[in-house]
Amino acid sequence: MKRSGYHLHQPNRNNFMRSAIFGAQPRTILLTRHSGALQWLRNKLGANPSFEMLGHLDGVPLQRNDRVYGTFPMHLAARLCDAGVECWMIDFSVPIQLRGVELTAEQLDLLNAKLVRYHVQRIEYV
């Protein structure tokens, strides 16, 4: 087996020094294209105005210790974890009759959804 690395934005020295001097806080990103999931995350995490709500991470620079909450695929979670970003997923089981259905925050609660931190490592089969 061979490990294939992913890398996100690496801070340049100036950005690092600025963060060290001004004490930049880790960013918190709510990542989902689903309105019910976004509302559920807001209900669980609170309505903090510093939270960034995004439907995708394309072109978004992330730093070590940033936190991403939401719904996203394994390959993205592996990239985030490899870069030192915390990955928090909405974890729940979807009954067959609800697959492909846009779920509300209330339905996620009824399905006992939980926030679970995952650490994912990409390992390629050779």
Protein backbone atom coordinates (compact mmCIF):
# COMPACT_ATOMS: atom_id res chain seq x y z
CA MET A 1 0.00 0.00 0.00
CA LYS A 2 1.17 3.46 -0.85
CA ARG A 3 0.05 6.65 0.87
CA SER A 4 -0.84 9.46 -1.46
CA GLY A 5 -0.70 12.91 0.07
CA TYR A 6 -3.11 15.76 -0.38
CA HIS A 7 -2.20 19.31 0.43
CA LEU A 8 -4.26 22.41 0.96
CA HIS A 9 -3.10 26.00 0.99
CA GLN A 10 0.16 26.33 2.83
CA PRO A 11 0.60 29.71 4.51
CA ASN A 12 3.47 31.82 3.29
CA ARG A 13 5.89 33.25 5.83
CA ASN A 14 4.19 36.68 5.89
CA ASN A 15 0.77 35.19 6.61
CA PHE A 16 2.27 32.98 9.31
CA MET A 17 3.99 35.94 10.97
CA ARG A 18 0.80 38.02 10.76
CA SER A 19 -1.14 35.17 12.41
CA ALA A 20 1.49 34.82 15.14
CA ILE A 21 1.57 38.55 15.82
CA PHE A 22 -2.16 39.25 15.75
CA GLY A 23 -3.28 35.90 17.21
CA ALA A 24 -5.46 34.81 14.29
CA GLN A 25 -8.15 32.43 15.46
CA PRO A 26 -8.91 29.21 13.60
CA ARG A 27 -11.77 29.58 11.16
CA THR A 28 -15.01 27.66 11.54
CA ILE A 29 -16.67 26.70 8.27
CA LEU A 30 -20.11 25.15 7.91
CA LEU A 31 -19.82 23.17 4.67
CA THR A 32 -23.01 21.92 3.06
CA ARG A 33 -25.29 22.60 0.11
CA HIS A 34 -28.30 21.31 2.07
CA SER A 35 -30.46 23.91 3.81
CA GLY A 36 -31.70 21.43 6.45
CA ALA A 37 -28.14 20.41 7.33
CA LEU A 38 -27.09 24.06 7.57
CA GLN A 39 -29.99 24.83 9.93
CA TRP A 40 -29.17 21.72 11.98
CA LEU A 41 -25.53 22.84 12.30
CA ARG A 42 -26.63 26.33 13.38
CA ASN A 43 -28.95 24.77 15.97
CA LYS A 44 -26.14 22.62 17.39
CA LEU A 45 -23.26 25.11 17.20
CA GLY A 46 -25.13 28.34 17.81
CA ALA A 47 -25.52 31.34 15.56
CA ASN A 48 -21.99 32.69 15.70
CA PRO A 49 -21.49 35.52 13.17
CA SER A 50 -17.86 34.47 12.66
CA PHE A 51 -18.93 31.12 11.16
CA GLU A 52 -18.49 30.95 7.41
CA MET A 53 -21.25 29.15 5.48
CA LEU A 54 -20.02 27.58 2.24
CA GLY A 55 -21.37 25.14 -0.31
CA HIS A 56 -17.90 24.11 -1.48
CA LEU A 57 -14.23 24.61 -0.62
CA ASP A 58 -12.86 25.13 -4.14
CA GLY A 59 -10.23 27.87 -3.93
CA VAL A 60 -10.78 28.46 -0.20
CA PRO A 61 -7.44 28.65 1.64
CA LEU A 62 -7.47 26.73 4.91
CA GLN A 63 -4.92 26.66 7.69
CA ARG A 64 -3.96 24.09 10.31
CA ASN A 65 -6.50 24.02 13.18
CA ASP A 66 -9.36 25.42 11.09
CA ARG A 67 -12.59 23.51 11.69
CA VAL A 68 -14.95 22.31 8.96
CA TYR A 69 -18.41 21.04 9.95
CA GLY A 70 -20.93 19.51 7.59
CA THR A 71 -21.38 16.96 4.85
CA PHE A 72 -18.55 16.21 2.46
CA PRO A 73 -16.92 13.21 0.76
CA MET A 74 -14.13 11.06 2.15
CA HIS A 75 -11.49 12.27 -0.32
CA LEU A 76 -12.07 15.85 0.83
CA ALA A 77 -11.94 14.79 4.49
CA ALA A 78 -8.57 13.10 3.80
CA ARG A 79 -7.22 16.31 2.22
CA LEU A 80 -8.44 18.38 5.15
CA CYS A 81 -7.03 16.03 7.79
CA ASP A 82 -3.69 15.84 5.99
CA ALA A 83 -3.49 19.65 6.19
CA GLY A 84 -4.27 19.68 9.94
CA VAL A 85 -7.88 20.84 9.58
CA GLU A 86 -10.48 19.37 11.97
CA CYS A 87 -13.26 17.47 10.14
CA TRP A 88 -16.63 17.31 11.87
CA MET A 89 -19.30 15.35 10.00
CA ILE A 90 -23.02 15.14 10.50
CA ASP A 91 -23.24 11.45 11.28
CA PHE A 92 -26.54 9.56 10.92
CA SER A 93 -28.14 6.59 9.18
CA VAL A 94 -30.56 7.37 6.37
CA PRO A 95 -33.48 4.95 6.00
CA ILE A 96 -33.99 3.67 2.45
CA GLN A 97 -37.24 5.63 2.00
CA LEU A 98 -35.42 8.94 2.75
CA ARG A 99 -32.40 8.43 0.48
CA GLY A 100 -32.21 11.21 -2.08
CA VAL A 101 -34.66 13.36 -0.07
CA GLU A 102 -33.67 16.83 1.13
CA LEU A 103 -33.87 16.45 4.93
CA THR A 104 -34.92 19.18 7.32
CA ALA A 105 -33.18 20.00 10.60
CA GLU A 106 -36.11 18.37 12.41
CA GLN A 107 -35.73 15.15 10.40
CA LEU A 108 -32.01 15.07 11.20
CA ASP A 109 -32.90 15.34 14.90
CA LEU A 110 -35.42 12.49 14.53
CA LEU A 111 -32.70 10.40 12.86
CA ASN A 112 -30.45 11.02 15.91
CA ALA A 113 -27.86 12.92 13.89
CA LYS A 114 -24.67 13.73 15.77
CA LEU A 115 -21.55 15.74 15.10
CA VAL A 116 -18.59 13.38 14.98
CA ARG A 117 -14.98 14.34 14.42
CA TYR A 118 -13.24 12.10 11.91
CA HIS A 119 -9.57 11.77 11.10
CA VAL A 120 -9.29 10.34 7.60
CA GLN A 121 -6.10 9.18 5.91
CA ARG A 122 -5.96 8.37 2.21
CA ILE A 123 -4.19 5.09 1.44
CA GLU A 124 -4.10 3.94 -2.18
CA TYR A 125 -4.22 0.30 -3.18
CA VAL A 126 -1.29 -0.57 -5.41
